[in-house]
Amino acid sequence: MQKQVLTSRVLLCFIVLLMISTVLPLGFCASAEIKNFSVSATQSAYYIGETPQILVSFDYYNIANNTELKIEIYNSSGDLVYTITGISFVSSEATLLNGSYEQTHSLSSDFTKEKGSKTYTAKLIDVATSYKLAETTFVINVETESIMLLVSWLDASQDREIDVNEQVTFSVFVQWAFVNESKSVTLYVKVDGGNEIVVTTISITVGSGQESTQWATSFASKGTHTVVFELKDTNNEVIAVQSLTVTVGKTEQKQTIWDMINANLPYIAIGCLLVIIIILVVKERK
């Protein structure tokens, strides 16, 4: 009878130990902890087709030596879309390890197939047991290319008043972002609807960047003139345009109704006040 009881106790202890071994991570002791698990994209946005990177960081306490971890990434539908491996902790000096982990990992271009903002879930997993140690979310933003022109001008006398036949220099800035392939573009200028004039050729590089150039001209007549700068690709398609007007020669400024009101505002206020007083006096007499 005593042997049966002893056998039952031994068997019960074995079952308990077996259950504990299946619940606790193999590479972790009972007091092991993962804290401050964080995953974030290294850029605020990526261009279409770019390989994104994420920064992974966490603090670990009492992790057993030779523990190997992985990060599983799931989309908003709960599907596993990517796995990061090779996160290991090895030391020749200690059995239990404490410290901080911070590393940048590359994902795949599948994350940047289309424009938009998507949220993903990252799970930190013990490889030996498939036990989930921590979980967090991160966002990847994808943008389409943006190319724009900025134009300013300065007359030769630098007084911001253009005279007839005075040279005017136009400074053109080409800025781009989220471009997913390099391209050659041509900058054209057109004055008062006339013929296009080639200013220069610009190389647009992948990602973001800026180039600048200058173009000078003069105007033979007084009045308002329209200057249009266009950026065209090799297919002659306009990808950016900037139009501005300049006034040549001093012109008399016509006085608008608002200018007249502003100039005579004190008198108008006094007149309105007198009208109100007259109305009140008339009402009181009635």
Protein backbone atom coordinates (compact mmCIF):
# COMPACT_ATOMS: atom_id res chain seq x y z
CA MET A 1 0.00 0.00 0.00
CA GLN A 2 2.79 2.39 0.95
CA LYS A 3 4.62 1.54 -2.28
CA GLN A 4 1.47 2.39 -4.25
CA VAL A 5 1.15 5.76 -2.46
CA LEU A 6 4.83 6.51 -3.06
CA THR A 7 4.51 5.55 -6.70
CA SER A 8 1.45 7.76 -7.09
CA ARG A 9 3.26 10.72 -5.53
CA VAL A 10 6.29 10.25 -7.77
CA LEU A 11 4.02 10.02 -10.80
CA LEU A 12 2.14 13.17 -9.70
CA CYS A 13 5.42 15.09 -9.26
CA PHE A 14 6.54 13.96 -12.70
CA ILE A 15 3.27 15.15 -14.25
CA VAL A 16 3.55 18.52 -12.49
CA LEU A 17 7.12 18.96 -13.67
CA LEU A 18 6.09 18.00 -17.18
CA MET A 19 3.28 20.58 -17.13
CA ILE A 20 5.62 23.28 -15.84
CA SER A 21 8.16 22.50 -18.59
CA THR A 22 5.47 22.92 -21.24
CA VAL A 23 4.22 26.20 -19.81
CA LEU A 24 7.51 27.93 -19.06
CA PRO A 25 9.91 28.85 -21.90
CA LEU A 26 12.82 26.49 -22.12
CA GLY A 27 15.34 29.31 -22.25
CA PHE A 28 13.80 31.13 -19.32
CA CYS A 29 13.85 30.59 -15.60
CA ALA A 30 10.78 31.35 -13.50
CA SER A 31 11.96 34.91 -12.77
CA ALA A 32 12.88 35.79 -16.38
CA GLU A 33 11.31 38.98 -17.72
CA ILE A 34 11.04 40.98 -20.94
CA LYS A 35 10.19 44.65 -20.46
CA ASN A 36 9.73 47.70 -22.70
CA PHE A 37 9.34 45.75 -25.93
CA SER A 38 9.19 48.33 -28.71
CA VAL A 39 9.10 48.18 -32.52
CA SER A 40 9.01 51.26 -34.77
CA ALA A 41 9.70 52.12 -38.40
CA THR A 42 12.99 53.93 -38.93
CA GLN A 43 11.36 56.46 -41.30
CA SER A 44 8.12 58.41 -41.14
CA ALA A 45 7.24 57.12 -44.63
CA TYR A 46 8.68 55.03 -47.46
CA TYR A 47 8.37 55.22 -51.23
CA ILE A 48 6.59 52.43 -53.10
CA GLY A 49 8.87 49.40 -53.40
CA GLU A 50 11.38 50.59 -50.81
CA THR A 51 12.71 48.08 -48.27
CA PRO A 52 11.55 49.31 -44.87
CA GLN A 53 13.49 48.91 -41.65
CA ILE A 54 12.28 48.65 -38.07
CA LEU A 55 14.04 49.41 -34.81
CA VAL A 56 13.53 46.69 -32.19
CA SER A 57 14.35 47.25 -28.54
CA PHE A 58 13.59 45.60 -25.20
CA ASP A 59 15.10 44.98 -21.77
CA TYR A 60 15.69 41.41 -20.54
CA TYR A 61 16.26 40.00 -17.07
CA ASN A 62 17.39 36.51 -15.95
CA ILE A 63 17.43 35.07 -19.47
CA ALA A 64 19.16 31.69 -19.65
CA ASN A 65 22.38 31.51 -21.61
CA ASN A 66 22.07 30.37 -25.26
CA THR A 67 18.46 31.52 -25.51
CA GLU A 68 17.30 32.25 -29.07
CA LEU A 69 14.35 34.50 -29.88
CA LYS A 70 12.46 35.48 -33.02
CA ILE A 71 9.95 38.17 -33.96
CA GLU A 72 6.80 37.23 -35.83
CA ILE A 73 4.99 40.03 -37.65
CA TYR A 74 1.25 39.81 -38.35
CA ASN A 75 -0.96 42.02 -40.49
CA SER A 76 -4.30 43.49 -39.42
CA SER A 77 -6.06 40.29 -40.54
CA GLY A 78 -3.94 38.20 -38.19
CA ASP A 79 -1.86 36.58 -40.92
CA LEU A 80 1.83 35.92 -40.34
CA VAL A 81 3.63 38.01 -42.98
CA TYR A 82 7.26 38.06 -41.86
CA THR A 83 9.65 36.50 -39.35
CA ILE A 84 12.88 37.95 -37.98
CA THR A 85 15.31 35.34 -36.65
CA GLY A 86 18.82 35.29 -35.23
CA ILE A 87 18.15 37.12 -31.95
CA SER A 88 20.34 35.12 -29.56
CA PHE A 89 21.91 35.63 -26.15
CA VAL A 90 25.22 33.90 -25.55
CA SER A 91 27.74 34.51 -22.77
CA SER A 92 30.75 32.60 -21.45
CA GLU A 93 30.62 34.37 -18.12
CA ALA A 94 27.08 34.01 -16.80
CA THR A 95 24.26 31.49 -16.69
CA LEU A 96 21.51 34.09 -16.41
CA LEU A 97 21.79 37.23 -18.50
CA ASN A 98 20.52 40.78 -17.98
CA GLY A 99 20.70 43.69 -20.38
CA SER A 100 19.12 45.66 -23.20
CA TYR A 101 18.64 44.77 -26.84
CA GLU A 102 18.42 47.36 -29.63
CA GLN A 103 18.85 46.47 -33.27
CA THR A 104 17.63 47.59 -36.70
CA HIS A 105 16.13 44.88 -38.89
CA SER A 106 15.17 45.02 -42.55
CA LEU A 107 11.78 43.78 -43.70
CA SER A 108 10.80 43.16 -47.34
CA SER A 109 9.44 45.37 -50.09
CA ASP A 110 6.13 43.52 -49.72
CA PHE A 111 5.38 45.99 -46.92
CA THR A 112 5.53 48.93 -49.37
CA LYS A 113 3.61 47.67 -52.39
CA GLU A 114 1.04 50.45 -52.29
CA LYS A 115 0.37 53.85 -50.79
CA GLY A 116 -1.23 53.93 -47.38
CA SER A 117 -0.75 53.47 -43.66
CA LYS A 118 -0.85 49.95 -42.20
CA THR A 119 -0.58 48.69 -38.64
CA TYR A 120 1.26 45.46 -37.84
CA THR A 121 1.60 43.36 -34.70
CA ALA A 122 5.03 42.18 -33.60
CA LYS A 123 5.35 39.19 -31.27
CA LEU A 124 8.58 38.28 -29.48
CA ILE A 125 8.82 34.47 -29.41
CA ASP A 126 11.11 31.98 -27.63
CA VAL A 127 12.29 29.72 -30.46
CA ALA A 128 12.70 26.60 -28.29
CA THR A 129 9.16 26.60 -26.93
CA SER A 130 7.20 28.95 -29.27
CA TYR A 131 6.23 30.81 -26.10
CA LYS A 132 5.15 34.44 -26.66
CA LEU A 133 7.20 36.72 -24.41
CA ALA A 134 5.95 40.16 -25.48
CA GLU A 135 3.76 41.87 -28.07
CA THR A 136 3.43 45.36 -29.56
CA THR A 137 2.23 47.16 -32.69
CA PHE A 138 3.90 49.46 -35.20
CA VAL A 139 2.89 51.42 -38.31
CA ILE A 140 4.42 51.62 -41.77
CA ASN A 141 3.45 54.56 -44.00
CA VAL A 142 3.93 54.47 -47.78
CA GLU A 143 3.73 57.56 -50.00
CA THR A 144 3.68 58.13 -53.76
CA GLU A 145 6.25 60.38 -55.38
CA SER A 146 6.01 64.14 -54.99
CA ILE A 147 7.86 66.54 -57.32
CA MET A 148 7.39 70.29 -57.05
CA LEU A 149 8.78 73.57 -58.36
CA LEU A 150 9.48 76.68 -56.30
CA VAL A 151 10.34 79.90 -58.11
CA SER A 152 11.51 83.30 -56.92
CA TRP A 153 12.83 86.32 -58.81
CA LEU A 154 15.14 89.29 -58.27
CA ASP A 155 15.68 92.28 -60.52
CA ALA A 156 19.16 93.66 -61.25
CA SER A 157 18.73 96.70 -59.02
CA GLN A 158 17.33 94.50 -56.24
CA ASP A 159 14.60 97.01 -55.45
CA ARG A 160 11.77 94.59 -56.35
CA GLU A 161 10.60 97.01 -59.04
CA ILE A 162 11.22 95.79 -62.58
CA ASP A 163 12.02 98.42 -65.18
CA VAL A 164 11.73 97.97 -68.93
CA ASN A 165 14.72 96.00 -70.28
CA GLU A 166 16.06 95.43 -66.75
CA GLN A 167 17.48 91.94 -66.25
CA VAL A 168 15.42 89.72 -63.98
CA THR A 169 16.87 86.49 -62.59
CA PHE A 170 14.52 83.65 -61.76
CA SER A 171 15.75 81.09 -59.23
CA VAL A 172 14.08 77.71 -59.68
CA PHE A 173 14.17 75.03 -56.99
CA VAL A 174 13.16 71.46 -57.84
CA GLN A 175 12.25 69.38 -54.78
CA TRP A 176 11.19 65.74 -54.71
CA ALA A 177 10.34 63.02 -52.21
CA PHE A 178 9.32 59.33 -52.22
CA VAL A 179 10.60 58.79 -55.75
CA ASN A 180 11.00 55.05 -56.39
CA GLU A 181 13.14 55.23 -59.54
CA SER A 182 15.65 57.71 -60.91
CA LYS A 183 14.65 59.74 -63.97
CA SER A 184 15.88 62.55 -66.18
CA VAL A 185 13.57 65.56 -66.53
CA THR A 186 13.80 68.79 -68.50
CA LEU A 187 12.92 72.25 -67.22
CA TYR A 188 11.18 74.59 -69.68
CA VAL A 189 10.11 78.22 -69.42
CA LYS A 190 7.45 80.09 -71.38
CA VAL A 191 6.81 83.86 -71.25
CA ASP A 192 3.41 85.34 -72.07
CA GLY A 193 2.30 82.16 -73.83
CA GLY A 194 5.24 82.20 -76.24
CA ASN A 195 7.53 79.37 -77.33
CA GLU A 196 9.02 76.98 -74.80
CA ILE A 197 12.65 77.57 -73.92
CA VAL A 198 14.82 74.78 -72.51
CA VAL A 199 16.40 75.91 -69.25
CA THR A 200 18.26 72.77 -68.14
CA THR A 201 18.09 69.02 -67.60
CA ILE A 202 17.81 67.67 -64.05
CA SER A 203 18.44 64.18 -62.69
CA ILE A 204 15.81 63.07 -60.19
CA THR A 205 17.29 60.48 -57.83
CA VAL A 206 15.59 57.74 -55.84
CA GLY A 207 14.18 58.86 -52.50
CA SER A 208 14.24 62.59 -51.86
CA GLY A 209 16.42 65.47 -53.00
CA GLN A 210 16.68 68.98 -54.37
CA GLU A 211 18.27 70.77 -57.32
CA SER A 212 18.33 74.45 -58.21
CA THR A 213 19.04 76.50 -61.30
CA GLN A 214 18.66 80.07 -62.57
CA TRP A 215 17.26 81.66 -65.69
CA ALA A 216 17.51 85.36 -66.61
CA THR A 217 15.51 87.53 -68.99
CA SER A 218 14.22 91.07 -69.47
CA PHE A 219 10.91 92.56 -70.59
CA ALA A 220 10.63 95.08 -73.43
CA SER A 221 7.28 96.51 -72.42
CA LYS A 222 5.48 97.77 -69.36
CA GLY A 223 2.63 95.90 -67.78
CA THR A 224 1.96 92.46 -66.35
CA HIS A 225 3.82 89.48 -67.77
CA THR A 226 3.24 85.77 -67.10
CA VAL A 227 6.18 83.40 -66.69
CA VAL A 228 5.51 79.65 -66.59
CA PHE A 229 8.08 76.99 -65.65
CA GLU A 230 7.33 73.35 -66.50
CA LEU A 231 9.14 70.15 -65.64
CA LYS A 232 8.65 67.39 -68.20
CA ASP A 233 9.75 63.75 -68.30
CA THR A 234 11.16 61.87 -71.30
CA ASN A 235 7.60 61.23 -72.55
CA ASN A 236 7.02 65.00 -72.63
CA GLU A 237 4.49 64.72 -69.83
CA VAL A 238 4.30 67.62 -67.38
CA ILE A 239 5.13 66.43 -63.87
CA ALA A 240 5.38 69.83 -62.17
CA VAL A 241 4.48 73.41 -63.07
CA GLN A 242 4.87 76.82 -61.48
CA SER A 243 3.35 80.01 -62.88
CA LEU A 244 3.94 83.55 -61.68
CA THR A 245 3.22 87.09 -62.83
CA VAL A 246 5.52 90.08 -62.70
CA THR A 247 4.76 93.75 -63.24
CA VAL A 248 7.16 95.82 -65.35
CA GLY A 249 7.28 99.58 -64.90
CA LYS A 250 5.65 101.67 -62.21
CA THR A 251 1.90 101.72 -62.55
CA GLU A 252 -0.61 103.95 -60.84
CA GLN A 253 -2.39 102.09 -58.15
CA LYS A 254 -6.13 102.37 -58.55
CA GLN A 255 -7.98 103.19 -55.38
CA THR A 256 -10.52 100.54 -54.46
CA ILE A 257 -13.67 101.01 -52.41
CA TRP A 258 -11.93 99.38 -49.46
CA ASP A 259 -9.01 101.79 -49.76
CA MET A 260 -11.50 104.67 -49.61
CA ILE A 261 -13.20 103.15 -46.56
CA ASN A 262 -9.91 102.62 -44.75
CA ALA A 263 -8.76 106.17 -45.53
CA ASN A 264 -11.98 107.71 -44.21
CA LEU A 265 -12.72 105.24 -41.43
CA PRO A 266 -12.66 107.83 -38.57
CA TYR A 267 -15.18 110.04 -40.39
CA ILE A 268 -17.40 107.09 -41.21
CA ALA A 269 -17.38 106.02 -37.56
CA ILE A 270 -18.32 109.54 -36.42
CA GLY A 271 -21.09 109.67 -39.02
CA CYS A 272 -22.52 106.32 -37.87
CA LEU A 273 -22.41 107.48 -34.27
CA LEU A 274 -24.29 110.69 -35.17
CA VAL A 275 -26.94 108.69 -37.02
CA ILE A 276 -27.47 106.46 -33.97
CA ILE A 277 -27.76 109.49 -31.68
CA ILE A 278 -30.30 111.14 -34.00
CA ILE A 279 -32.41 107.96 -34.13
CA LEU A 280 -32.42 107.65 -30.34
CA VAL A 281 -33.38 111.31 -29.90
CA VAL A 282 -36.24 110.98 -32.37
CA LYS A 283 -37.53 107.85 -30.63
CA GLU A 284 -37.37 109.54 -27.24
CA ARG A 285 -39.42 112.54 -28.44
CA LYS A 286 -42.11 110.23 -29.78
